[in-house]
Each structure stands twice: as structure tokens, then as C-alpha cells.
Amino acid sequence: MNTVSDFLISYLEKYYGNKEIFYTKKGSQYVPFSYDELFSRVISLTNYFDENGISEGDKAGIISENRFEWVITDIACIFTKIISVPVYQSLSAEQIEYILNDAEVKICFVSNEAILEKVLKIKDKIPSLKKIVVYNETGKDNAVQFTEISKNGNYDIDVLKKLSTNINPDDELTYIYTSGTTGEPKGVILTHKNIASNIKGCMKVLKINEEDVFLS
């Protein structure tokens, strides 16, 4: 397995069905999500990309804390060969503007209304930016609601298998921007091979199995 999509397909084949993959806290409860629910939402989002002309090689900004929607977005980008550009939500509007322009981001996912306001403030200064999607419910009509474009519905593993056949180890996967302590932030390009080799390296030294639970 030499791509991140290879790993995802491998585990989907092993745990196809309603096995829980993810828990997210809502109020005082941890709510489970199954493999089927996660990947049906991923497929829904890949369809949105296709319908709106967001395709291979385009960049998707993600300005958010760790959350379930972040995972859906990232996996949808992986399978459609859209390059993810994660951005710290604590950055100023000016810092976000620099990164989104430097990466030529075409669609930007934001966590909440506060971050949405930051991006709306600079949107006209980012020529490449065509769509803004917000994870939290908001009354704003100048952003797309994530719940509307990533729905739990039909899930077909063959759809993801077909997309995966088009992915190569040297394909760019994500741009990780440096903190910019010695100048402007610089985008570090990571490929599928980079991340896959890290996964394989970890598996050699860490005894991880389906009984383990990870906190993000």
C-alpha cells in the first residue's frame, strides 16, 4: 500500500458495514459514526465537488479545529485528488489571506461563524476563491452549509475503489504551511508516498489494532 487511499480502501473492505469508526462529542454524550455513515458523507461531498467544477489539482482550504466534518472533507479531497490546505483557525484575516492566495485555494471550509467572518472580510482579495463552506449552522446566506452538501445516504465502496485507481504515490496530497517565524509562511508539499511511508513506519513500532481508541 503506497497511497493513503490504499489504506482507506483496505480498512473499508475489512470493516464494511456499521462498525463504529468515529466518536464526536455532542453536549455531554459521545455520538458514534459508522464506516458506512462516514463514507456515504464523503461520497456526497465528492459529488458536490464534481457538480461545482472543483477537481483534480484544485486546492481546498480547511480552517477548523479537529472535528468530524474535518475528517469528511479531508477524505473527500484525498479521493478526488484535491489538495487540502489546513490553516490554523487562530490566524488573523491577513495571515489567512496570504496562505489562501499563495496556495490558490478554490474552496474554503470554515468551522464557525467567527472564522467565516474573517474569510468574508478578505474574500474579494483572493481571486481563486469561489466557494466558502461552513461546518456549524449559520444564518448567513453567503456561505454553503456543510450539512447540505455532505449527507448520509447511499454508500457504495465501488465508487471509492474506482476513484482510488487514479491515485499515484507521487501525487500531491496536502500543503502544510510553516509558522512563518523567519518570513512569510511557506507551503510544504506532502505526497501520498510521504504520508503512507509514515503510516507504515508507525505500524512497525506501534502495536495498534481495532481495539484501540485514539483521541484527537
N, C-alpha and C. Protein backbone atom coordinates (compact mmCIF):
# COMPACT_ATOMS: atom_id res chain seq x y z
N MET A 1 0.84 -1.19 0.00
CA MET A 1 0.00 0.00 0.00
C MET A 1 0.88 1.24 0.00
N ASN A 2 0.77 2.04 -1.06
CA ASN A 2 1.65 3.19 -1.23
C ASN A 2 0.93 4.53 -1.32
N THR A 3 -0.38 4.51 -1.16
CA THR A 3 -1.14 5.76 -1.12
C THR A 3 -2.05 5.74 0.10
N VAL A 4 -2.48 6.91 0.53
CA VAL A 4 -3.41 6.99 1.67
C VAL A 4 -4.74 6.34 1.29
N SER A 5 -5.14 6.49 0.04
CA SER A 5 -6.40 5.87 -0.39
C SER A 5 -6.30 4.34 -0.33
N ASP A 6 -5.11 3.77 -0.57
CA ASP A 6 -4.93 2.32 -0.44
C ASP A 6 -5.27 1.87 0.97
N PHE A 7 -4.77 2.59 1.96
CA PHE A 7 -5.05 2.24 3.35
C PHE A 7 -6.54 2.34 3.65
N LEU A 8 -7.16 3.42 3.18
CA LEU A 8 -8.59 3.61 3.45
C LEU A 8 -9.43 2.50 2.82
N ILE A 9 -9.14 2.15 1.58
CA ILE A 9 -9.88 1.08 0.91
C ILE A 9 -9.68 -0.25 1.64
N SER A 10 -8.46 -0.51 2.07
CA SER A 10 -8.15 -1.75 2.77
C SER A 10 -9.01 -1.91 4.03
N TYR A 11 -9.13 -0.83 4.81
CA TYR A 11 -9.92 -0.91 6.04
C TYR A 11 -11.43 -0.90 5.76
N LEU A 12 -11.82 -0.24 4.69
CA LEU A 12 -13.24 -0.28 4.32
C LEU A 12 -13.66 -1.70 3.95
N GLU A 13 -12.81 -2.40 3.22
CA GLU A 13 -13.12 -3.78 2.84
C GLU A 13 -13.19 -4.69 4.06
N LYS A 14 -12.34 -4.40 5.04
CA LYS A 14 -12.28 -5.23 6.24
C LYS A 14 -13.47 -4.97 7.16
N TYR A 15 -13.89 -3.70 7.25
CA TYR A 15 -14.92 -3.33 8.21
C TYR A 15 -16.18 -2.80 7.55
N TYR A 16 -16.44 -3.21 6.32
CA TYR A 16 -17.62 -2.77 5.59
C TYR A 16 -18.88 -3.03 6.42
N GLY A 17 -19.69 -2.01 6.61
CA GLY A 17 -20.90 -2.18 7.39
C GLY A 17 -21.04 -1.12 8.46
N ASN A 18 -21.65 -1.48 9.55
CA ASN A 18 -21.98 -0.48 10.57
C ASN A 18 -21.01 -0.43 11.74
N LYS A 19 -19.82 -0.97 11.59
CA LYS A 19 -18.82 -0.88 12.66
C LYS A 19 -18.50 0.59 12.92
N GLU A 20 -18.40 0.94 14.19
CA GLU A 20 -18.12 2.33 14.55
C GLU A 20 -16.67 2.69 14.25
N ILE A 21 -16.46 3.86 13.68
CA ILE A 21 -15.13 4.32 13.32
C ILE A 21 -14.76 5.61 14.05
N PHE A 22 -15.77 6.36 14.50
CA PHE A 22 -15.52 7.71 14.97
C PHE A 22 -16.54 8.07 16.04
N TYR A 23 -16.08 8.80 17.05
CA TYR A 23 -17.00 9.36 18.06
C TYR A 23 -16.78 10.86 18.14
N THR A 24 -17.85 11.60 18.23
CA THR A 24 -17.73 13.04 18.39
C THR A 24 -18.67 13.49 19.51
N LYS A 25 -18.22 14.47 20.29
CA LYS A 25 -18.99 14.87 21.47
C LYS A 25 -20.07 15.87 21.10
N LYS A 26 -21.29 15.57 21.52
CA LYS A 26 -22.42 16.48 21.35
C LYS A 26 -23.08 16.64 22.71
N GLY A 27 -22.95 17.83 23.28
CA GLY A 27 -23.41 18.03 24.64
C GLY A 27 -22.53 17.25 25.60
N SER A 28 -23.13 16.36 26.36
CA SER A 28 -22.36 15.55 27.30
C SER A 28 -22.17 14.11 26.81
N GLN A 29 -22.59 13.84 25.58
CA GLN A 29 -22.54 12.48 25.05
C GLN A 29 -21.54 12.36 23.89
N TYR A 30 -20.91 11.19 23.80
CA TYR A 30 -20.08 10.88 22.63
C TYR A 30 -20.93 10.08 21.64
N VAL A 31 -21.15 10.66 20.49
CA VAL A 31 -22.03 10.06 19.49
C VAL A 31 -21.20 9.28 18.47
N PRO A 32 -21.53 8.01 18.22
CA PRO A 32 -20.74 7.20 17.27
C PRO A 32 -21.16 7.42 15.82
N PHE A 33 -20.19 7.24 14.93
CA PHE A 33 -20.46 7.23 13.49
C PHE A 33 -19.84 5.96 12.93
N SER A 34 -20.57 5.30 12.05
CA SER A 34 -20.09 4.05 11.46
C SER A 34 -19.26 4.33 10.21
N TYR A 35 -18.57 3.30 9.75
CA TYR A 35 -17.84 3.39 8.48
C TYR A 35 -18.79 3.81 7.36
N ASP A 36 -19.97 3.19 7.33
CA ASP A 36 -20.93 3.48 6.27
C ASP A 36 -21.35 4.95 6.29
N GLU A 37 -21.64 5.47 7.48
CA GLU A 37 -22.09 6.86 7.56
C GLU A 37 -20.99 7.82 7.17
N LEU A 38 -19.78 7.57 7.66
CA LEU A 38 -18.65 8.45 7.32
C LEU A 38 -18.44 8.50 5.81
N PHE A 39 -18.38 7.32 5.19
CA PHE A 39 -18.02 7.30 3.77
C PHE A 39 -19.18 7.61 2.85
N SER A 40 -20.41 7.47 3.30
CA SER A 40 -21.53 7.96 2.49
C SER A 40 -21.49 9.48 2.42
N ARG A 41 -21.09 10.11 3.52
CA ARG A 41 -20.96 11.57 3.52
C ARG A 41 -19.77 12.01 2.67
N VAL A 42 -18.71 11.22 2.68
CA VAL A 42 -17.56 11.51 1.82
C VAL A 42 -17.98 11.49 0.36
N ILE A 43 -18.72 10.46 -0.04
CA ILE A 43 -19.17 10.35 -1.43
C ILE A 43 -20.08 11.52 -1.80
N SER A 44 -20.95 11.91 -0.88
CA SER A 44 -21.83 13.06 -1.12
C SER A 44 -21.01 14.32 -1.39
N LEU A 45 -19.93 14.50 -0.63
CA LEU A 45 -19.09 15.68 -0.83
C LEU A 45 -18.30 15.59 -2.13
N THR A 46 -17.84 14.41 -2.51
CA THR A 46 -17.14 14.28 -3.80
C THR A 46 -18.08 14.63 -4.95
N ASN A 47 -19.36 14.29 -4.81
CA ASN A 47 -20.35 14.65 -5.84
C ASN A 47 -20.51 16.17 -5.92
N TYR A 48 -20.50 16.83 -4.77
CA TYR A 48 -20.59 18.29 -4.75
C TYR A 48 -19.40 18.90 -5.48
N PHE A 49 -18.21 18.39 -5.21
CA PHE A 49 -17.02 18.88 -5.91
C PHE A 49 -17.20 18.78 -7.42
N ASP A 50 -17.62 17.61 -7.87
CA ASP A 50 -17.78 17.36 -9.30
C ASP A 50 -18.82 18.29 -9.92
N GLU A 51 -19.93 18.48 -9.23
CA GLU A 51 -21.02 19.32 -9.75
C GLU A 51 -20.64 20.80 -9.81
N ASN A 52 -19.65 21.20 -9.03
CA ASN A 52 -19.27 22.62 -8.96
C ASN A 52 -17.90 22.91 -9.56
N GLY A 53 -17.41 21.98 -10.38
CA GLY A 53 -16.18 22.22 -11.11
C GLY A 53 -14.94 22.30 -10.25
N ILE A 54 -14.97 21.65 -9.10
CA ILE A 54 -13.79 21.59 -8.23
C ILE A 54 -13.19 20.21 -8.42
N SER A 55 -11.99 20.17 -8.97
CA SER A 55 -11.48 18.89 -9.45
C SER A 55 -10.00 18.72 -9.16
N GLU A 56 -9.45 17.65 -9.72
CA GLU A 56 -8.06 17.26 -9.50
C GLU A 56 -7.10 18.45 -9.61
N GLY A 57 -6.26 18.60 -8.60
CA GLY A 57 -5.27 19.67 -8.60
C GLY A 57 -5.73 20.97 -7.98
N ASP A 58 -7.05 21.13 -7.80
CA ASP A 58 -7.56 22.33 -7.11
C ASP A 58 -7.20 22.24 -5.63
N LYS A 59 -7.22 23.38 -4.95
CA LYS A 59 -6.85 23.43 -3.54
C LYS A 59 -8.08 23.74 -2.69
N ALA A 60 -8.17 23.04 -1.55
CA ALA A 60 -9.27 23.24 -0.60
C ALA A 60 -8.70 23.66 0.75
N GLY A 61 -9.01 24.88 1.17
CA GLY A 61 -8.59 25.32 2.49
C GLY A 61 -9.49 24.74 3.56
N ILE A 62 -8.92 24.39 4.72
CA ILE A 62 -9.71 23.90 5.86
C ILE A 62 -9.26 24.70 7.08
N ILE A 63 -10.14 25.58 7.57
CA ILE A 63 -9.82 26.42 8.73
C ILE A 63 -10.74 25.99 9.85
N SER A 64 -10.26 25.10 10.71
CA SER A 64 -11.14 24.48 11.69
C SER A 64 -10.34 23.78 12.77
N GLU A 65 -10.97 23.62 13.94
CA GLU A 65 -10.44 22.72 14.95
C GLU A 65 -10.71 21.28 14.51
N ASN A 66 -10.13 20.31 15.22
CA ASN A 66 -10.38 18.91 14.90
C ASN A 66 -11.85 18.58 15.13
N ARG A 67 -12.49 17.97 14.14
CA ARG A 67 -13.89 17.61 14.26
C ARG A 67 -14.26 16.64 13.14
N PHE A 68 -15.42 16.02 13.27
CA PHE A 68 -15.89 15.01 12.32
C PHE A 68 -15.94 15.54 10.89
N GLU A 69 -16.42 16.77 10.73
CA GLU A 69 -16.55 17.36 9.39
C GLU A 69 -15.18 17.55 8.73
N TRP A 70 -14.17 17.83 9.54
CA TRP A 70 -12.79 17.98 9.02
C TRP A 70 -12.36 16.66 8.36
N VAL A 71 -12.65 15.56 9.04
CA VAL A 71 -12.28 14.24 8.52
C VAL A 71 -12.99 13.95 7.20
N ILE A 72 -14.28 14.23 7.14
CA ILE A 72 -15.05 14.02 5.91
C ILE A 72 -14.42 14.82 4.76
N THR A 73 -14.15 16.08 5.03
CA THR A 73 -13.58 16.96 4.00
C THR A 73 -12.23 16.44 3.52
N ASP A 74 -11.38 16.07 4.45
CA ASP A 74 -10.03 15.62 4.11
C ASP A 74 -10.08 14.35 3.26
N ILE A 75 -10.93 13.38 3.66
CA ILE A 75 -11.01 12.13 2.90
C ILE A 75 -11.60 12.37 1.51
N ALA A 76 -12.60 13.24 1.42
CA ALA A 76 -13.17 13.56 0.10
C ALA A 76 -12.11 14.18 -0.80
N CYS A 77 -11.26 15.02 -0.25
CA CYS A 77 -10.16 15.60 -1.03
C CYS A 77 -9.19 14.52 -1.49
N ILE A 78 -8.89 13.59 -0.60
CA ILE A 78 -7.95 12.51 -0.94
C ILE A 78 -8.43 11.75 -2.18
N PHE A 79 -9.70 11.34 -2.18
CA PHE A 79 -10.21 10.50 -3.27
C PHE A 79 -10.43 11.27 -4.58
N THR A 80 -10.59 12.58 -4.51
CA THR A 80 -10.80 13.37 -5.73
C THR A 80 -9.52 14.07 -6.20
N LYS A 81 -8.41 13.81 -5.51
CA LYS A 81 -7.12 14.41 -5.85
C LYS A 81 -7.14 15.93 -5.74
N ILE A 82 -8.00 16.43 -4.86
CA ILE A 82 -7.98 17.84 -4.50
C ILE A 82 -6.99 18.00 -3.35
N ILE A 83 -6.17 19.02 -3.40
CA ILE A 83 -5.10 19.18 -2.41
C ILE A 83 -5.62 19.98 -1.21
N SER A 84 -5.54 19.39 -0.02
CA SER A 84 -6.02 20.06 1.18
C SER A 84 -4.96 21.05 1.69
N VAL A 85 -5.44 22.17 2.20
CA VAL A 85 -4.55 23.20 2.76
C VAL A 85 -5.08 23.56 4.15
N PRO A 86 -4.66 22.85 5.19
CA PRO A 86 -5.12 23.16 6.54
C PRO A 86 -4.53 24.47 7.05
N VAL A 87 -5.35 25.27 7.73
CA VAL A 87 -4.94 26.59 8.21
C VAL A 87 -5.37 26.72 9.68
N TYR A 88 -4.47 27.22 10.52
CA TYR A 88 -4.84 27.44 11.93
C TYR A 88 -5.99 28.42 12.03
N GLN A 89 -7.01 28.08 12.82
CA GLN A 89 -8.16 28.97 12.97
C GLN A 89 -7.82 30.21 13.78
N SER A 90 -6.68 30.20 14.48
CA SER A 90 -6.28 31.34 15.31
C SER A 90 -5.58 32.45 14.52
N LEU A 91 -5.28 32.21 13.24
CA LEU A 91 -4.58 33.21 12.44
C LEU A 91 -5.47 34.42 12.17
N SER A 92 -4.83 35.55 11.94
CA SER A 92 -5.57 36.77 11.60
C SER A 92 -6.10 36.67 10.18
N ALA A 93 -7.02 37.56 9.84
CA ALA A 93 -7.57 37.59 8.48
C ALA A 93 -6.46 37.82 7.46
N GLU A 94 -5.49 38.67 7.80
CA GLU A 94 -4.40 38.99 6.88
C GLU A 94 -3.51 37.76 6.65
N GLN A 95 -3.24 37.00 7.72
CA GLN A 95 -2.43 35.79 7.57
C GLN A 95 -3.16 34.72 6.76
N ILE A 96 -4.44 34.60 6.99
CA ILE A 96 -5.25 33.65 6.22
C ILE A 96 -5.27 34.06 4.75
N GLU A 97 -5.41 35.34 4.50
CA GLU A 97 -5.42 35.86 3.13
C GLU A 97 -4.14 35.48 2.40
N TYR A 98 -3.00 35.63 3.09
CA TYR A 98 -1.72 35.30 2.45
C TYR A 98 -1.68 33.82 2.05
N ILE A 99 -2.05 32.93 2.96
CA ILE A 99 -1.97 31.49 2.69
C ILE A 99 -2.94 31.07 1.59
N LEU A 100 -4.18 31.55 1.65
CA LEU A 100 -5.17 31.17 0.64
C LEU A 100 -4.78 31.67 -0.74
N ASN A 101 -4.16 32.85 -0.80
CA ASN A 101 -3.68 33.36 -2.08
C ASN A 101 -2.46 32.60 -2.58
N ASP A 102 -1.53 32.32 -1.67
CA ASP A 102 -0.30 31.63 -2.06
C ASP A 102 -0.60 30.23 -2.59
N ALA A 103 -1.57 29.56 -1.97
CA ALA A 103 -1.95 28.20 -2.40
C ALA A 103 -2.96 28.20 -3.54
N GLU A 104 -3.51 29.38 -3.85
CA GLU A 104 -4.56 29.50 -4.86
C GLU A 104 -5.75 28.60 -4.54
N VAL A 105 -6.25 28.75 -3.31
CA VAL A 105 -7.37 27.95 -2.82
C VAL A 105 -8.65 28.30 -3.59
N LYS A 106 -9.36 27.26 -4.01
CA LYS A 106 -10.58 27.44 -4.79
C LYS A 106 -11.84 27.31 -3.94
N ILE A 107 -11.78 26.47 -2.91
CA ILE A 107 -12.91 26.31 -1.99
C ILE A 107 -12.34 26.30 -0.58
N CYS A 108 -13.05 26.93 0.35
CA CYS A 108 -12.55 27.03 1.72
C CYS A 108 -13.63 26.56 2.70
N PHE A 109 -13.25 25.63 3.57
CA PHE A 109 -14.14 25.12 4.62
C PHE A 109 -13.77 25.78 5.93
N VAL A 110 -14.76 26.35 6.61
CA VAL A 110 -14.51 27.03 7.89
C VAL A 110 -15.40 26.42 8.97
N SER A 111 -14.91 26.48 10.19
CA SER A 111 -15.59 25.81 11.28
C SER A 111 -16.86 26.52 11.74
N ASN A 112 -16.78 27.84 11.93
CA ASN A 112 -17.88 28.54 12.59
C ASN A 112 -18.05 29.94 12.02
N GLU A 113 -19.00 30.67 12.58
CA GLU A 113 -19.33 31.99 12.05
C GLU A 113 -18.21 33.00 12.25
N ALA A 114 -17.46 32.87 13.34
CA ALA A 114 -16.35 33.80 13.60
C ALA A 114 -15.28 33.69 12.51
N ILE A 115 -14.93 32.45 12.16
CA ILE A 115 -13.94 32.25 11.10
C ILE A 115 -14.53 32.63 9.75
N LEU A 116 -15.81 32.35 9.56
CA LEU A 116 -16.48 32.74 8.32
C LEU A 116 -16.37 34.25 8.11
N GLU A 117 -16.57 35.03 9.17
CA GLU A 117 -16.47 36.49 9.07
C GLU A 117 -15.07 36.91 8.64
N LYS A 118 -14.04 36.24 9.16
CA LYS A 118 -12.66 36.54 8.76
C LYS A 118 -12.48 36.35 7.26
N VAL A 119 -12.99 35.20 6.77
CA VAL A 119 -12.79 34.88 5.35
C VAL A 119 -13.63 35.79 4.46
N LEU A 120 -14.84 36.10 4.87
CA LEU A 120 -15.68 37.01 4.08
C LEU A 120 -15.03 38.40 3.96
N LYS A 121 -14.33 38.79 5.02
CA LYS A 121 -13.66 40.09 5.04
C LYS A 121 -12.58 40.20 3.96
N ILE A 122 -11.96 39.06 3.62
CA ILE A 122 -10.83 39.08 2.68
C ILE A 122 -11.17 38.42 1.34
N LYS A 123 -12.38 37.89 1.20
CA LYS A 123 -12.74 37.10 0.02
C LYS A 123 -12.44 37.83 -1.29
N ASP A 124 -12.74 39.11 -1.37
CA ASP A 124 -12.55 39.87 -2.61
C ASP A 124 -11.08 40.04 -2.97
N LYS A 125 -10.18 39.74 -2.01
CA LYS A 125 -8.75 39.85 -2.26
C LYS A 125 -8.13 38.51 -2.66
N ILE A 126 -8.97 37.49 -2.78
CA ILE A 126 -8.48 36.14 -3.13
C ILE A 126 -9.16 35.71 -4.43
N PRO A 127 -8.59 36.03 -5.58
CA PRO A 127 -9.24 35.77 -6.88
C PRO A 127 -9.61 34.31 -7.13
N SER A 128 -8.82 33.39 -6.59
CA SER A 128 -9.06 31.96 -6.85
C SER A 128 -10.24 31.41 -6.07
N LEU A 129 -10.64 32.07 -4.98
CA LEU A 129 -11.65 31.52 -4.06
C LEU A 129 -13.06 31.67 -4.64
N LYS A 130 -13.72 30.53 -4.87
CA LYS A 130 -15.05 30.53 -5.48
C LYS A 130 -16.16 30.12 -4.51
N LYS A 131 -15.83 29.29 -3.52
CA LYS A 131 -16.85 28.77 -2.60
C LYS A 131 -16.34 28.81 -1.17
N ILE A 132 -17.24 29.14 -0.24
CA ILE A 132 -16.96 29.06 1.19
C ILE A 132 -18.02 28.15 1.81
N VAL A 133 -17.57 27.17 2.57
CA VAL A 133 -18.47 26.22 3.22
C VAL A 133 -18.25 26.30 4.72
N VAL A 134 -19.35 26.35 5.48
CA VAL A 134 -19.25 26.46 6.94
C VAL A 134 -19.80 25.20 7.60
N TYR A 135 -19.05 24.68 8.59
CA TYR A 135 -19.46 23.45 9.27
C TYR A 135 -20.65 23.68 10.22
N ASN A 136 -20.56 24.71 11.06
CA ASN A 136 -21.64 24.99 12.01
C ASN A 136 -22.84 25.60 11.29
N GLU A 137 -24.01 25.40 11.85
CA GLU A 137 -25.20 26.04 11.30
C GLU A 137 -25.07 27.57 11.44
N THR A 138 -25.43 28.28 10.39
CA THR A 138 -25.35 29.74 10.42
C THR A 138 -26.49 30.34 9.62
N GLY A 139 -26.87 31.54 9.99
CA GLY A 139 -27.94 32.22 9.26
C GLY A 139 -27.43 32.98 8.04
N LYS A 140 -26.12 32.96 7.84
CA LYS A 140 -25.52 33.69 6.71
C LYS A 140 -25.92 33.02 5.39
N ASP A 141 -26.24 33.84 4.38
CA ASP A 141 -26.59 33.28 3.08
C ASP A 141 -25.45 33.42 2.07
N ASN A 142 -24.27 33.85 2.56
CA ASN A 142 -23.13 34.00 1.64
C ASN A 142 -22.11 32.88 1.85
N ALA A 143 -22.57 31.77 2.41
CA ALA A 143 -21.73 30.59 2.56
C ALA A 143 -22.61 29.35 2.41
N VAL A 144 -22.01 28.24 2.02
CA VAL A 144 -22.71 26.98 1.83
C VAL A 144 -22.70 26.22 3.15
N GLN A 145 -23.85 25.66 3.54
CA GLN A 145 -23.91 24.84 4.75
C GLN A 145 -23.37 23.44 4.48
N PHE A 146 -22.43 23.01 5.30
CA PHE A 146 -21.83 21.70 5.11
C PHE A 146 -22.87 20.58 5.17
N THR A 147 -23.87 20.75 6.03
CA THR A 147 -24.91 19.72 6.17
C THR A 147 -25.71 19.51 4.88
N GLU A 148 -25.70 20.51 4.01
CA GLU A 148 -26.45 20.42 2.77
C GLU A 148 -25.69 19.70 1.66
N ILE A 149 -24.37 19.64 1.78
CA ILE A 149 -23.57 19.06 0.69
C ILE A 149 -22.88 17.76 1.09
N SER A 150 -23.00 17.40 2.35
CA SER A 150 -22.42 16.14 2.82
C SER A 150 -23.45 15.41 3.65
N LYS A 151 -24.27 14.65 2.97
CA LYS A 151 -25.40 14.00 3.63
C LYS A 151 -25.16 12.49 3.76
N ASN A 152 -25.81 11.93 4.76
CA ASN A 152 -25.75 10.49 4.95
C ASN A 152 -26.77 9.84 4.03
N GLY A 153 -26.27 9.06 3.07
CA GLY A 153 -27.19 8.47 2.10
C GLY A 153 -26.65 7.15 1.60
N ASN A 154 -26.73 6.94 0.30
CA ASN A 154 -26.26 5.69 -0.29
C ASN A 154 -24.74 5.62 -0.24
N TYR A 155 -24.25 4.45 0.12
CA TYR A 155 -22.80 4.26 0.22
C TYR A 155 -22.40 3.06 -0.63
N ASP A 156 -21.49 3.28 -1.55
CA ASP A 156 -21.03 2.20 -2.43
C ASP A 156 -19.51 2.22 -2.46
N ILE A 157 -18.91 1.19 -1.89
CA ILE A 157 -17.45 1.13 -1.82
C ILE A 157 -16.82 1.12 -3.21
N ASP A 158 -17.56 0.62 -4.21
CA ASP A 158 -17.01 0.56 -5.57
C ASP A 158 -16.75 1.96 -6.14
N VAL A 159 -17.54 2.95 -5.70
CA VAL A 159 -17.31 4.34 -6.13
C VAL A 159 -15.93 4.79 -5.68
N LEU A 160 -15.59 4.49 -4.43
CA LEU A 160 -14.30 4.91 -3.89
C LEU A 160 -13.16 4.09 -4.49
N LYS A 161 -13.40 2.82 -4.74
CA LYS A 161 -12.37 1.98 -5.38
C LYS A 161 -12.01 2.52 -6.76
N LYS A 162 -13.04 2.93 -7.50
CA LYS A 162 -12.79 3.47 -8.85
C LYS A 162 -11.98 4.76 -8.77
N LEU A 163 -12.32 5.64 -7.83
CA LEU A 163 -11.57 6.88 -7.67
C LEU A 163 -10.12 6.58 -7.25
N SER A 164 -9.95 5.57 -6.42
CA SER A 164 -8.62 5.25 -5.89
C SER A 164 -7.66 4.77 -6.96
N THR A 165 -8.18 4.14 -8.01
CA THR A 165 -7.30 3.62 -9.07
C THR A 165 -6.57 4.74 -9.81
N ASN A 166 -7.06 5.96 -9.68
CA ASN A 166 -6.46 7.11 -10.38
C ASN A 166 -5.42 7.83 -9.53
N ILE A 167 -5.15 7.31 -8.33
CA ILE A 167 -4.24 7.98 -7.40
C ILE A 167 -2.88 7.29 -7.40
N ASN A 168 -1.81 8.08 -7.51
CA ASN A 168 -0.45 7.56 -7.55
C ASN A 168 0.35 8.02 -6.33
N PRO A 169 1.36 7.25 -5.93
CA PRO A 169 2.15 7.59 -4.74
C PRO A 169 2.77 8.98 -4.77
N ASP A 170 3.15 9.46 -5.96
CA ASP A 170 3.80 10.76 -6.05
C ASP A 170 2.83 11.93 -6.21
N ASP A 171 1.54 11.64 -6.20
CA ASP A 171 0.54 12.72 -6.29
C ASP A 171 0.60 13.59 -5.04
N GLU A 172 0.47 14.90 -5.23
CA GLU A 172 0.44 15.82 -4.10
C GLU A 172 -0.83 15.58 -3.29
N LEU A 173 -0.69 15.56 -1.97
CA LEU A 173 -1.81 15.26 -1.08
C LEU A 173 -2.24 16.49 -0.29
N THR A 174 -1.28 17.21 0.28
CA THR A 174 -1.61 18.35 1.14
C THR A 174 -0.47 19.36 1.16
N TYR A 175 -0.79 20.62 1.42
CA TYR A 175 0.21 21.66 1.63
C TYR A 175 0.13 22.08 3.10
N ILE A 176 1.20 21.88 3.83
CA ILE A 176 1.26 22.27 5.24
C ILE A 176 2.11 23.53 5.35
N TYR A 177 1.52 24.62 5.82
CA TYR A 177 2.25 25.88 5.88
C TYR A 177 3.01 26.04 7.19
N THR A 178 4.26 26.52 7.06
CA THR A 178 5.10 26.78 8.22
C THR A 178 4.54 27.97 9.00
N SER A 179 5.05 28.16 10.20
CA SER A 179 4.54 29.24 11.05
C SER A 179 4.99 30.62 10.60
N GLY A 180 6.01 30.68 9.73
CA GLY A 180 6.45 31.98 9.20
C GLY A 180 7.26 32.80 10.18
N THR A 181 7.97 32.14 11.10
CA THR A 181 8.75 32.88 12.11
C THR A 181 9.95 33.61 11.50
N THR A 182 10.43 33.15 10.35
CA THR A 182 11.59 33.79 9.71
C THR A 182 11.20 34.48 8.41
N GLY A 183 9.94 34.77 8.23
CA GLY A 183 9.47 35.40 7.00
C GLY A 183 8.04 34.95 6.73
N GLU A 184 7.62 35.06 5.48
CA GLU A 184 6.27 34.61 5.13
C GLU A 184 6.17 33.09 5.27
N PRO A 185 5.00 32.56 5.66
CA PRO A 185 4.82 31.11 5.73
C PRO A 185 5.09 30.46 4.37
N LYS A 186 5.64 29.27 4.40
CA LYS A 186 5.94 28.53 3.17
C LYS A 186 5.16 27.23 3.18
N GLY A 187 4.58 26.91 2.03
CA GLY A 187 3.80 25.68 1.92
C GLY A 187 4.69 24.48 1.66
N VAL A 188 4.66 23.53 2.58
CA VAL A 188 5.43 22.29 2.42
C VAL A 188 4.54 21.27 1.71
N ILE A 189 4.99 20.78 0.57
CA ILE A 189 4.21 19.84 -0.23
C ILE A 189 4.45 18.42 0.27
N LEU A 190 3.37 17.73 0.65
CA LEU A 190 3.47 16.33 1.06
C LEU A 190 2.67 15.48 0.07
N THR A 191 3.26 14.37 -0.34
CA THR A 191 2.63 13.46 -1.29
C THR A 191 2.00 12.27 -0.56
N HIS A 192 1.27 11.47 -1.31
CA HIS A 192 0.72 10.23 -0.74
C HIS A 192 1.85 9.35 -0.22
N LYS A 193 2.96 9.29 -0.97
CA LYS A 193 4.08 8.45 -0.56
C LYS A 193 4.64 8.91 0.79
N ASN A 194 4.72 10.24 1.00
CA ASN A 194 5.22 10.77 2.27
C ASN A 194 4.39 10.25 3.45
N ILE A 195 3.07 10.39 3.34
CA ILE A 195 2.20 10.00 4.45
C ILE A 195 2.12 8.49 4.59
N ALA A 196 2.05 7.77 3.46
CA ALA A 196 1.97 6.31 3.50
C ALA A 196 3.21 5.71 4.16
N SER A 197 4.37 6.28 3.88
CA SER A 197 5.60 5.76 4.48
C SER A 197 5.61 6.00 5.98
N ASN A 198 5.03 7.13 6.42
CA ASN A 198 4.92 7.39 7.86
C ASN A 198 4.00 6.37 8.53
N ILE A 199 2.88 6.07 7.87
CA ILE A 199 1.94 5.09 8.42
C ILE A 199 2.61 3.73 8.56
N LYS A 200 3.30 3.31 7.51
CA LYS A 200 3.96 2.00 7.54
C LYS A 200 5.06 1.97 8.59
N GLY A 201 5.77 3.09 8.75
CA GLY A 201 6.80 3.16 9.77
C GLY A 201 6.23 3.04 11.17
N CYS A 202 5.11 3.71 11.41
CA CYS A 202 4.46 3.65 12.72
C CYS A 202 3.97 2.23 13.02
N MET A 203 3.43 1.57 12.00
CA MET A 203 2.88 0.23 12.19
C MET A 203 3.96 -0.79 12.57
N LYS A 204 5.22 -0.47 12.23
CA LYS A 204 6.32 -1.39 12.56
C LYS A 204 6.71 -1.30 14.03
N VAL A 205 6.48 -0.14 14.63
CA VAL A 205 6.96 0.05 16.01
C VAL A 205 5.84 0.21 17.03
N LEU A 206 4.61 0.49 16.58
CA LEU A 206 3.48 0.64 17.49
C LEU A 206 2.50 -0.52 17.29
N LYS A 207 2.15 -1.16 18.37
CA LYS A 207 1.20 -2.29 18.29
C LYS A 207 -0.22 -1.73 18.33
N ILE A 208 -0.76 -1.44 17.15
CA ILE A 208 -2.08 -0.82 17.02
C ILE A 208 -3.04 -1.81 16.38
N ASN A 209 -4.24 -1.93 16.96
CA ASN A 209 -5.24 -2.80 16.34
C ASN A 209 -6.64 -2.21 16.53
N GLU A 210 -7.66 -2.94 16.09
CA GLU A 210 -9.02 -2.41 16.10
C GLU A 210 -9.61 -2.23 17.50
N GLU A 211 -8.90 -2.67 18.52
CA GLU A 211 -9.35 -2.48 19.90
C GLU A 211 -8.95 -1.12 20.46
N ASP A 212 -8.04 -0.44 19.78
CA ASP A 212 -7.51 0.83 20.29
C ASP A 212 -8.43 1.99 19.98
N VAL A 213 -8.38 3.00 20.85
CA VAL A 213 -9.14 4.23 20.67
C VAL A 213 -8.16 5.40 20.70
N PHE A 214 -8.29 6.32 19.76
CA PHE A 214 -7.38 7.46 19.66
C PHE A 214 -8.12 8.76 19.94
N LEU A 215 -7.47 9.64 20.67
CA LEU A 215 -8.04 10.96 20.96
C LEU A 215 -7.38 12.00 20.09
N SER A 216 -8.18 12.78 19.36
CA SER A 216 -7.66 13.85 18.52
C SER A 216 -8.03 15.17 19.17
